[in-house]
Amino acid sequence: MSREEFDAKMVYVTSKCLCTTNCPTYVKGDSPIGYCFPMVGTSKNIKWEKDCLCETCPVYKEYDLTHTHYCTRCSQVCQAYKMEIGAGHE
């Protein structure tokens, strides 16, 4: 994926992201959003997980994501990798 494609995808993901609208875990003013997207990382402001809206997000559904709490646990790719390593698959 080129840098231009990556940037365009990031804009798309953040425009569809539900974090800032109704998520009980989200901390107002936290930036960036779109935590499910690789390279965004986790929130530096969120300290406690509450209910998660990820499964209702259009990005989650469109890309067939399978994890939650991306804001505190890391992106889809990161969480999937951790599950593989944790299961003893390398």
PDB file of N, CA and C in Angstrom:
ATOM      1  N   MET A   1       0.858  -1.171   0.000  1.00  0.00           N
ATOM      2  CA  MET A   1       0.000   0.000   0.000  1.00  0.00           C
ATOM      3  C   MET A   1       0.904   1.234   0.000  1.00  0.00           C
ATOM      4  N   SER A   2       0.646   2.135  -0.924  1.00  0.00           N
ATOM      5  CA  SER A   2       1.441   3.363  -0.994  1.00  0.00           C
ATOM      6  C   SER A   2       1.067   4.304   0.146  1.00  0.00           C
ATOM      7  N   ARG A   3       1.900   5.291   0.372  1.00  0.00           N
ATOM      8  CA  ARG A   3       1.624   6.283   1.427  1.00  0.00           C
ATOM      9  C   ARG A   3       0.313   7.011   1.135  1.00  0.00           C
ATOM     10  N   GLU A   4       0.061   7.320  -0.129  1.00  0.00           N
ATOM     11  CA  GLU A   4      -1.172   8.014  -0.511  1.00  0.00           C
ATOM     12  C   GLU A   4      -2.392   7.140  -0.242  1.00  0.00           C
ATOM     13  N   GLU A   5      -2.291   5.854  -0.563  1.00  0.00           N
ATOM     14  CA  GLU A   5      -3.396   4.929  -0.301  1.00  0.00           C
ATOM     15  C   GLU A   5      -3.629   4.774   1.199  1.00  0.00           C
ATOM     16  N   PHE A   6      -2.540   4.677   1.940  1.00  0.00           N
ATOM     17  CA  PHE A   6      -2.632   4.570   3.396  1.00  0.00           C
ATOM     18  C   PHE A   6      -3.333   5.796   3.972  1.00  0.00           C
ATOM     19  N   ASP A   7      -2.901   6.985   3.557  1.00  0.00           N
ATOM     20  CA  ASP A   7      -3.499   8.224   4.059  1.00  0.00           C
ATOM     21  C   ASP A   7      -4.981   8.319   3.709  1.00  0.00           C
ATOM     22  N   ALA A   8      -5.332   7.926   2.483  1.00  0.00           N
ATOM     23  CA  ALA A   8      -6.740   7.962   2.064  1.00  0.00           C
ATOM     24  C   ALA A   8      -7.579   6.990   2.892  1.00  0.00           C
ATOM     25  N   LYS A   9      -7.040   5.809   3.146  1.00  0.00           N
ATOM     26  CA  LYS A   9      -7.757   4.812   3.951  1.00  0.00           C
ATOM     27  C   LYS A   9      -7.929   5.302   5.387  1.00  0.00           C
ATOM     28  N   MET A  10      -6.906   5.958   5.919  1.00  0.00           N
ATOM     29  CA  MET A  10      -6.983   6.493   7.283  1.00  0.00           C
ATOM     30  C   MET A  10      -8.073   7.558   7.380  1.00  0.00           C
ATOM     31  N   VAL A  11      -8.157   8.426   6.391  1.00  0.00           N
ATOM     32  CA  VAL A  11      -9.212   9.445   6.361  1.00  0.00           C
ATOM     33  C   VAL A  11     -10.579   8.769   6.308  1.00  0.00           C
ATOM     34  N   TYR A  12     -10.703   7.737   5.484  1.00  0.00           N
ATOM     35  CA  TYR A  12     -11.966   7.011   5.375  1.00  0.00           C
ATOM     36  C   TYR A  12     -12.352   6.377   6.713  1.00  0.00           C
ATOM     37  N   VAL A  13     -11.414   5.679   7.331  1.00  0.00           N
ATOM     38  CA  VAL A  13     -11.687   5.005   8.608  1.00  0.00           C
ATOM     39  C   VAL A  13     -12.096   6.012   9.674  1.00  0.00           C
ATOM     40  N   THR A  14     -11.371   7.102   9.803  1.00  0.00           N
ATOM     41  CA  THR A  14     -11.704   8.079  10.843  1.00  0.00           C
ATOM     42  C   THR A  14     -13.029   8.784  10.564  1.00  0.00           C
ATOM     43  N   SER A  15     -13.405   8.910   9.297  1.00  0.00           N
ATOM     44  CA  SER A  15     -14.691   9.549   8.985  1.00  0.00           C
ATOM     45  C   SER A  15     -15.872   8.657   9.358  1.00  0.00           C
ATOM     46  N   LYS A  16     -15.677   7.349   9.380  1.00  0.00           N
ATOM     47  CA  LYS A  16     -16.736   6.398   9.721  1.00  0.00           C
ATOM     48  C   LYS A  16     -16.715   5.985  11.192  1.00  0.00           C
ATOM     49  N   CYS A  17     -15.618   6.264  11.870  1.00  0.00           N
ATOM     50  CA  CYS A  17     -15.389   5.828  13.250  1.00  0.00           C
ATOM     51  C   CYS A  17     -16.467   6.364  14.202  1.00  0.00           C
ATOM     52  N   LEU A  18     -16.947   5.499  15.099  1.00  0.00           N
ATOM     53  CA  LEU A  18     -17.969   5.885  16.081  1.00  0.00           C
ATOM     54  C   LEU A  18     -17.390   6.346  17.419  1.00  0.00           C
ATOM     55  N   CYS A  19     -16.085   6.266  17.573  1.00  0.00           N
ATOM     56  CA  CYS A  19     -15.465   6.580  18.870  1.00  0.00           C
ATOM     57  C   CYS A  19     -15.941   7.907  19.459  1.00  0.00           C
ATOM     58  N   THR A  20     -15.953   8.943  18.660  1.00  0.00           N
ATOM     59  CA  THR A  20     -16.257  10.277  19.191  1.00  0.00           C
ATOM     60  C   THR A  20     -17.744  10.530  19.389  1.00  0.00           C
ATOM     61  N   THR A  21     -18.603   9.666  18.872  1.00  0.00           N
ATOM     62  CA  THR A  21     -20.035   9.946  18.960  1.00  0.00           C
ATOM     63  C   THR A  21     -20.692   9.419  20.228  1.00  0.00           C
ATOM     64  N   ASN A  22     -20.563   8.136  20.483  1.00  0.00           N
ATOM     65  CA  ASN A  22     -21.306   7.550  21.603  1.00  0.00           C
ATOM     66  C   ASN A  22     -20.515   6.583  22.471  1.00  0.00           C
ATOM     67  N   CYS A  23     -19.256   6.375  22.203  1.00  0.00           N
ATOM     68  CA  CYS A  23     -18.512   5.342  22.921  1.00  0.00           C
ATOM     69  C   CYS A  23     -18.283   5.726  24.379  1.00  0.00           C
ATOM     70  N   PRO A  24     -18.725   4.878  25.322  1.00  0.00           N
ATOM     71  CA  PRO A  24     -18.553   5.182  26.742  1.00  0.00           C
ATOM     72  C   PRO A  24     -17.090   5.128  27.199  1.00  0.00           C
ATOM     73  N   THR A  25     -16.239   4.436  26.464  1.00  0.00           N
ATOM     74  CA  THR A  25     -14.826   4.350  26.832  1.00  0.00           C
ATOM     75  C   THR A  25     -14.045   5.567  26.343  1.00  0.00           C
ATOM     76  N   TYR A  26     -14.474   6.161  25.242  1.00  0.00           N
ATOM     77  CA  TYR A  26     -13.750   7.277  24.626  1.00  0.00           C
ATOM     78  C   TYR A  26     -13.631   8.474  25.573  1.00  0.00           C
ATOM     79  N   VAL A  27     -12.468   9.095  25.573  1.00  0.00           N
ATOM     80  CA  VAL A  27     -12.223  10.301  26.360  1.00  0.00           C
ATOM     81  C   VAL A  27     -12.266  11.491  25.405  1.00  0.00           C
ATOM     82  N   LYS A  28     -13.137  12.436  25.672  1.00  0.00           N
ATOM     83  CA  LYS A  28     -13.321  13.587  24.795  1.00  0.00           C
ATOM     84  C   LYS A  28     -11.989  14.270  24.496  1.00  0.00           C
ATOM     85  N   GLY A  29     -11.783  14.547  23.220  1.00  0.00           N
ATOM     86  CA  GLY A  29     -10.580  15.234  22.788  1.00  0.00           C
ATOM     87  C   GLY A  29      -9.413  14.318  22.465  1.00  0.00           C
ATOM     88  N   ASP A  30      -9.592  13.017  22.700  1.00  0.00           N
ATOM     89  CA  ASP A  30      -8.510  12.081  22.407  1.00  0.00           C
ATOM     90  C   ASP A  30      -8.256  12.056  20.904  1.00  0.00           C
ATOM     91  N   SER A  31      -7.024  11.983  20.531  1.00  0.00           N
ATOM     92  CA  SER A  31      -6.666  11.987  19.123  1.00  0.00           C
ATOM     93  C   SER A  31      -5.395  11.181  18.946  1.00  0.00           C
ATOM     94  N   PRO A  32      -5.227  10.438  17.898  1.00  0.00           N
ATOM     95  CA  PRO A  32      -6.172  10.264  16.799  1.00  0.00           C
ATOM     96  C   PRO A  32      -7.239   9.236  17.169  1.00  0.00           C
ATOM     97  N   ILE A  33      -8.195   9.042  16.271  1.00  0.00           N
ATOM     98  CA  ILE A  33      -9.193   7.992  16.438  1.00  0.00           C
ATOM     99  C   ILE A  33      -8.997   6.993  15.311  1.00  0.00           C
ATOM    100  N   GLY A  34      -9.854   6.005  15.235  1.00  0.00           N
ATOM    101  CA  GLY A  34      -9.689   4.952  14.237  1.00  0.00           C
ATOM    102  C   GLY A  34      -8.672   3.932  14.711  1.00  0.00           C
ATOM    103  N   TYR A  35      -8.753   3.597  15.983  1.00  0.00           N
ATOM    104  CA  TYR A  35      -7.770   2.717  16.616  1.00  0.00           C
ATOM    105  C   TYR A  35      -7.696   1.330  15.981  1.00  0.00           C
ATOM    106  N   CYS A  36      -8.744   0.898  15.304  1.00  0.00           N
ATOM    107  CA  CYS A  36      -8.730  -0.416  14.663  1.00  0.00           C
ATOM    108  C   CYS A  36      -7.748  -0.458  13.499  1.00  0.00           C
ATOM    109  N   PHE A  37      -7.404   0.719  12.987  1.00  0.00           N
ATOM    110  CA  PHE A  37      -6.516   0.822  11.832  1.00  0.00           C
ATOM    111  C   PHE A  37      -5.058   0.662  12.262  1.00  0.00           C
ATOM    112  N   PRO A  38      -4.291  -0.176  11.563  1.00  0.00           N
ATOM    113  CA  PRO A  38      -2.885  -0.354  11.936  1.00  0.00           C
ATOM    114  C   PRO A  38      -2.128   0.971  11.931  1.00  0.00           C
ATOM    115  N   MET A  39      -1.189   1.097  12.792  1.00  0.00           N
ATOM    116  CA  MET A  39      -0.300   2.248  12.921  1.00  0.00           C
ATOM    117  C   MET A  39      -0.883   3.408  13.722  1.00  0.00           C
ATOM    118  N   VAL A  40      -2.150   3.340  14.111  1.00  0.00           N
ATOM    119  CA  VAL A  40      -2.725   4.405  14.933  1.00  0.00           C
ATOM    120  C   VAL A  40      -2.236   4.269  16.369  1.00  0.00           C
ATOM    121  N   GLY A  41      -2.179   3.048  16.830  1.00  0.00           N
ATOM    122  CA  GLY A  41      -1.770   2.819  18.212  1.00  0.00           C
ATOM    123  C   GLY A  41      -2.954   2.903  19.154  1.00  0.00           C
ATOM    124  N   THR A  42      -2.665   2.897  20.428  1.00  0.00           N
ATOM    125  CA  THR A  42      -3.716   2.967  21.436  1.00  0.00           C
ATOM    126  C   THR A  42      -3.809   4.374  22.001  1.00  0.00           C
ATOM    127  N   SER A  43      -4.882   4.623  22.708  1.00  0.00           N
ATOM    128  CA  SER A  43      -5.105   5.931  23.315  1.00  0.00           C
ATOM    129  C   SER A  43      -4.112   6.176  24.442  1.00  0.00           C
ATOM    130  N   LYS A  44      -3.653   7.390  24.526  1.00  0.00           N
ATOM    131  CA  LYS A  44      -2.789   7.796  25.641  1.00  0.00           C
ATOM    132  C   LYS A  44      -3.620   8.350  26.797  1.00  0.00           C
ATOM    133  N   ASN A  45      -4.913   8.605  26.544  1.00  0.00           N
ATOM    134  CA  ASN A  45      -5.782   9.231  27.541  1.00  0.00           C
ATOM    135  C   ASN A  45      -6.761   8.278  28.211  1.00  0.00           C
ATOM    136  N   ILE A  46      -7.154   7.221  27.535  1.00  0.00           N
ATOM    137  CA  ILE A  46      -8.138   6.293  28.090  1.00  0.00           C
ATOM    138  C   ILE A  46      -7.450   5.390  29.107  1.00  0.00           C
ATOM    139  N   LYS A  47      -7.982   5.403  30.313  1.00  0.00           N
ATOM    140  CA  LYS A  47      -7.392   4.609  31.399  1.00  0.00           C
ATOM    141  C   LYS A  47      -8.242   3.402  31.781  1.00  0.00           C
ATOM    142  N   TRP A  48      -9.545   3.465  31.511  1.00  0.00           N
ATOM    143  CA  TRP A  48     -10.465   2.395  31.917  1.00  0.00           C
ATOM    144  C   TRP A  48     -11.342   1.996  30.746  1.00  0.00           C
ATOM    145  N   GLU A  49     -11.457   0.708  30.514  1.00  0.00           N
ATOM    146  CA  GLU A  49     -12.380   0.213  29.504  1.00  0.00           C
ATOM    147  C   GLU A  49     -13.783   0.179  30.081  1.00  0.00           C
ATOM    148  N   LYS A  50     -14.720   0.674  29.306  1.00  0.00           N
ATOM    149  CA  LYS A  50     -16.135   0.573  29.642  1.00  0.00           C
ATOM    150  C   LYS A  50     -16.772  -0.224  28.516  1.00  0.00           C
ATOM    151  N   ASP A  51     -18.043  -0.040  28.282  1.00  0.00           N
ATOM    152  CA  ASP A  51     -18.680  -0.722  27.163  1.00  0.00           C
ATOM    153  C   ASP A  51     -18.004  -0.301  25.860  1.00  0.00           C
ATOM    154  N   CYS A  52     -18.045  -1.188  24.877  1.00  0.00           N
ATOM    155  CA  CYS A  52     -17.367  -0.965  23.601  1.00  0.00           C
ATOM    156  C   CYS A  52     -18.388  -0.934  22.463  1.00  0.00           C
ATOM    157  N   LEU A  53     -18.257   0.058  21.588  1.00  0.00           N
ATOM    158  CA  LEU A  53     -19.148   0.181  20.439  1.00  0.00           C
ATOM    159  C   LEU A  53     -18.553  -0.393  19.161  1.00  0.00           C
ATOM    160  N   CYS A  54     -17.345  -0.897  19.226  1.00  0.00           N
ATOM    161  CA  CYS A  54     -16.657  -1.341  18.013  1.00  0.00           C
ATOM    162  C   CYS A  54     -17.517  -2.254  17.133  1.00  0.00           C
ATOM    163  N   GLU A  55     -18.219  -3.189  17.736  1.00  0.00           N
ATOM    164  CA  GLU A  55     -19.000  -4.149  16.953  1.00  0.00           C
ATOM    165  C   GLU A  55     -20.169  -3.512  16.204  1.00  0.00           C
ATOM    166  N   THR A  56     -20.538  -2.286  16.552  1.00  0.00           N
ATOM    167  CA  THR A  56     -21.621  -1.592  15.851  1.00  0.00           C
ATOM    168  C   THR A  56     -21.095  -0.614  14.808  1.00  0.00           C
ATOM    169  N   CYS A  57     -19.805  -0.460  14.722  1.00  0.00           N
ATOM    170  CA  CYS A  57     -19.173   0.513  13.824  1.00  0.00           C
ATOM    171  C   CYS A  57     -19.226   0.030  12.372  1.00  0.00           C
ATOM    172  N   PRO A  58     -19.501   0.927  11.421  1.00  0.00           N
ATOM    173  CA  PRO A  58     -19.517   0.515  10.017  1.00  0.00           C
ATOM    174  C   PRO A  58     -18.156   0.007   9.532  1.00  0.00           C
ATOM    175  N   VAL A  59     -17.070   0.523  10.065  1.00  0.00           N
ATOM    176  CA  VAL A  59     -15.728   0.055   9.688  1.00  0.00           C
ATOM    177  C   VAL A  59     -15.547  -1.392  10.150  1.00  0.00           C
ATOM    178  N   TYR A  60     -15.969  -1.688  11.355  1.00  0.00           N
ATOM    179  CA  TYR A  60     -15.887  -3.042  11.917  1.00  0.00           C
ATOM    180  C   TYR A  60     -16.607  -4.033  11.008  1.00  0.00           C
ATOM    181  N   LYS A  61     -17.805  -3.649  10.592  1.00  0.00           N
ATOM    182  CA  LYS A  61     -18.612  -4.531   9.754  1.00  0.00           C
ATOM    183  C   LYS A  61     -18.043  -4.647   8.342  1.00  0.00           C
ATOM    184  N   GLU A  62     -17.638  -3.526   7.771  1.00  0.00           N
ATOM    185  CA  GLU A  62     -17.126  -3.519   6.398  1.00  0.00           C
ATOM    186  C   GLU A  62     -15.860  -4.358   6.245  1.00  0.00           C
ATOM    187  N   TYR A  63     -14.991  -4.299   7.229  1.00  0.00           N
ATOM    188  CA  TYR A  63     -13.714  -5.010   7.141  1.00  0.00           C
ATOM    189  C   TYR A  63     -13.701  -6.335   7.912  1.00  0.00           C
ATOM    190  N   ASP A  64     -14.881  -6.781   8.338  1.00  0.00           N
ATOM    191  CA  ASP A  64     -15.005  -8.062   9.054  1.00  0.00           C
ATOM    192  C   ASP A  64     -14.023  -8.171  10.217  1.00  0.00           C
ATOM    193  N   LEU A  65     -13.968  -7.126  11.029  1.00  0.00           N
ATOM    194  CA  LEU A  65     -13.081  -7.133  12.189  1.00  0.00           C
ATOM    195  C   LEU A  65     -13.645  -8.077  13.245  1.00  0.00           C
ATOM    196  N   THR A  66     -12.799  -8.551  14.139  1.00  0.00           N
ATOM    197  CA  THR A  66     -13.231  -9.577  15.084  1.00  0.00           C
ATOM    198  C   THR A  66     -12.892  -9.277  16.540  1.00  0.00           C
ATOM    199  N   HIS A  67     -12.209  -8.189  16.807  1.00  0.00           N
ATOM    200  CA  HIS A  67     -11.819  -7.858  18.173  1.00  0.00           C
ATOM    201  C   HIS A  67     -12.563  -6.602  18.635  1.00  0.00           C
ATOM    202  N   THR A  68     -12.309  -6.174  19.847  1.00  0.00           N
ATOM    203  CA  THR A  68     -12.923  -4.964  20.393  1.00  0.00           C
ATOM    204  C   THR A  68     -11.894  -4.186  21.200  1.00  0.00           C
ATOM    205  N   HIS A  69     -12.318  -3.063  21.723  1.00  0.00           N
ATOM    206  CA  HIS A  69     -11.477  -2.201  22.558  1.00  0.00           C
ATOM    207  C   HIS A  69     -10.135  -1.886  21.892  1.00  0.00           C
ATOM    208  N   TYR A  70     -10.186  -1.526  20.616  1.00  0.00           N
ATOM    209  CA  TYR A  70      -8.964  -1.186  19.890  1.00  0.00           C
ATOM    210  C   TYR A  70      -8.258   0.002  20.530  1.00  0.00           C
ATOM    211  N   CYS A  71      -9.015   0.868  21.159  1.00  0.00           N
ATOM    212  CA  CYS A  71      -8.439   2.069  21.781  1.00  0.00           C
ATOM    213  C   CYS A  71      -7.483   1.743  22.924  1.00  0.00           C
ATOM    214  N   THR A  72      -7.693   0.619  23.580  1.00  0.00           N
ATOM    215  CA  THR A  72      -6.835   0.255  24.713  1.00  0.00           C
ATOM    216  C   THR A  72      -6.014  -1.007  24.471  1.00  0.00           C
ATOM    217  N   ARG A  73      -6.413  -1.818  23.506  1.00  0.00           N
ATOM    218  CA  ARG A  73      -5.739  -3.112  23.308  1.00  0.00           C
ATOM    219  C   ARG A  73      -4.885  -3.177  22.050  1.00  0.00           C
ATOM    220  N   CYS A  74      -5.062  -2.331  21.101  1.00  0.00           N
ATOM    221  CA  CYS A  74      -4.322  -2.187  19.837  1.00  0.00           C
ATOM    222  C   CYS A  74      -5.185  -2.617  18.649  1.00  0.00           C
ATOM    223  N   SER A  75      -4.662  -2.428  17.467  1.00  0.00           N
ATOM    224  CA  SER A  75      -5.409  -2.644  16.223  1.00  0.00           C
ATOM    225  C   SER A  75      -5.818  -4.100  16.016  1.00  0.00           C
ATOM    226  N   GLN A  76      -6.640  -4.318  14.995  1.00  0.00           N
ATOM    227  CA  GLN A  76      -7.073  -5.664  14.621  1.00  0.00           C
ATOM    228  C   GLN A  76      -5.862  -6.556  14.363  1.00  0.00           C
ATOM    229  N   VAL A  77      -4.923  -6.073  13.572  1.00  0.00           N
ATOM    230  CA  VAL A  77      -3.734  -6.853  13.227  1.00  0.00           C
ATOM    231  C   VAL A  77      -2.936  -7.189  14.481  1.00  0.00           C
ATOM    232  N   CYS A  78      -2.737  -6.224  15.332  1.00  0.00           N
ATOM    233  CA  CYS A  78      -1.976  -6.402  16.568  1.00  0.00           C
ATOM    234  C   CYS A  78      -2.647  -7.429  17.484  1.00  0.00           C
ATOM    235  N   GLN A  79      -3.953  -7.303  17.687  1.00  0.00           N
ATOM    236  CA  GLN A  79      -4.656  -8.245  18.565  1.00  0.00           C
ATOM    237  C   GLN A  79      -4.653  -9.659  17.982  1.00  0.00           C
ATOM    238  N   ALA A  80      -4.805  -9.775  16.664  1.00  0.00           N
ATOM    239  CA  ALA A  80      -4.776 -11.095  16.030  1.00  0.00           C
ATOM    240  C   ALA A  80      -3.400 -11.735  16.210  1.00  0.00           C
ATOM    241  N   TYR A  81      -2.355 -10.941  16.065  1.00  0.00           N
ATOM    242  CA  TYR A  81      -0.992 -11.439  16.259  1.00  0.00           C
ATOM    243  C   TYR A  81      -0.786 -11.912  17.698  1.00  0.00           C
ATOM    244  N   LYS A  82      -1.252 -11.128  18.642  1.00  0.00           N
ATOM    245  CA  LYS A  82      -1.119 -11.510  20.054  1.00  0.00           C
ATOM    246  C   LYS A  82      -1.856 -12.813  20.351  1.00  0.00           C
ATOM    247  N   MET A  83      -3.002 -13.013  19.727  1.00  0.00           N
ATOM    248  CA  MET A  83      -3.764 -14.253  19.931  1.00  0.00           C
ATOM    249  C   MET A  83      -2.990 -15.447  19.368  1.00  0.00           C
ATOM    250  N   GLU A  84      -2.368 -15.268  18.208  1.00  0.00           N
ATOM    251  CA  GLU A  84      -1.580 -16.349  17.607  1.00  0.00           C
ATOM    252  C   GLU A  84      -0.389 -16.710  18.484  1.00  0.00           C
ATOM    253  N   ILE A  85       0.329 -15.718  18.949  1.00  0.00           N
ATOM    254  CA  ILE A  85       1.497 -15.950  19.800  1.00  0.00           C
ATOM    255  C   ILE A  85       1.061 -16.583  21.124  1.00  0.00           C
ATOM    256  N   GLY A  86      -0.039 -16.066  21.682  1.00  0.00           N
ATOM    257  CA  GLY A  86      -0.553 -16.595  22.945  1.00  0.00           C
ATOM    258  C   GLY A  86      -1.007 -18.041  22.836  1.00  0.00           C
ATOM    259  N   ALA A  87      -1.412 -18.432  21.629  1.00  0.00           N
ATOM    260  CA  ALA A  87      -1.863 -19.804  21.416  1.00  0.00           C
ATOM    261  C   ALA A  87      -0.692 -20.736  21.087  1.00  0.00           C
ATOM    262  N   GLY A  88       0.514 -20.172  21.039  1.00  0.00           N
ATOM    263  CA  GLY A  88       1.691 -20.986  20.771  1.00  0.00           C
ATOM    264  C   GLY A  88       2.025 -21.151  19.306  1.00  0.00           C
ATOM    265  N   HIS A  89       1.405 -20.344  18.440  1.00  0.00           N
ATOM    266  CA  HIS A  89       1.687 -20.408  17.006  1.00  0.00           C
ATOM    267  C   HIS A  89       2.656 -19.298  16.650  1.00  0.00           C
ATOM    268  N   GLU A  90       3.757 -19.653  16.051  1.00  0.00           N
ATOM    269  CA  GLU A  90       4.727 -18.629  15.639  1.00  0.00           C
ATOM    270  C   GLU A  90       5.125 -18.830  14.215  1.00  0.00           C
TER     271      GLU A  90
END
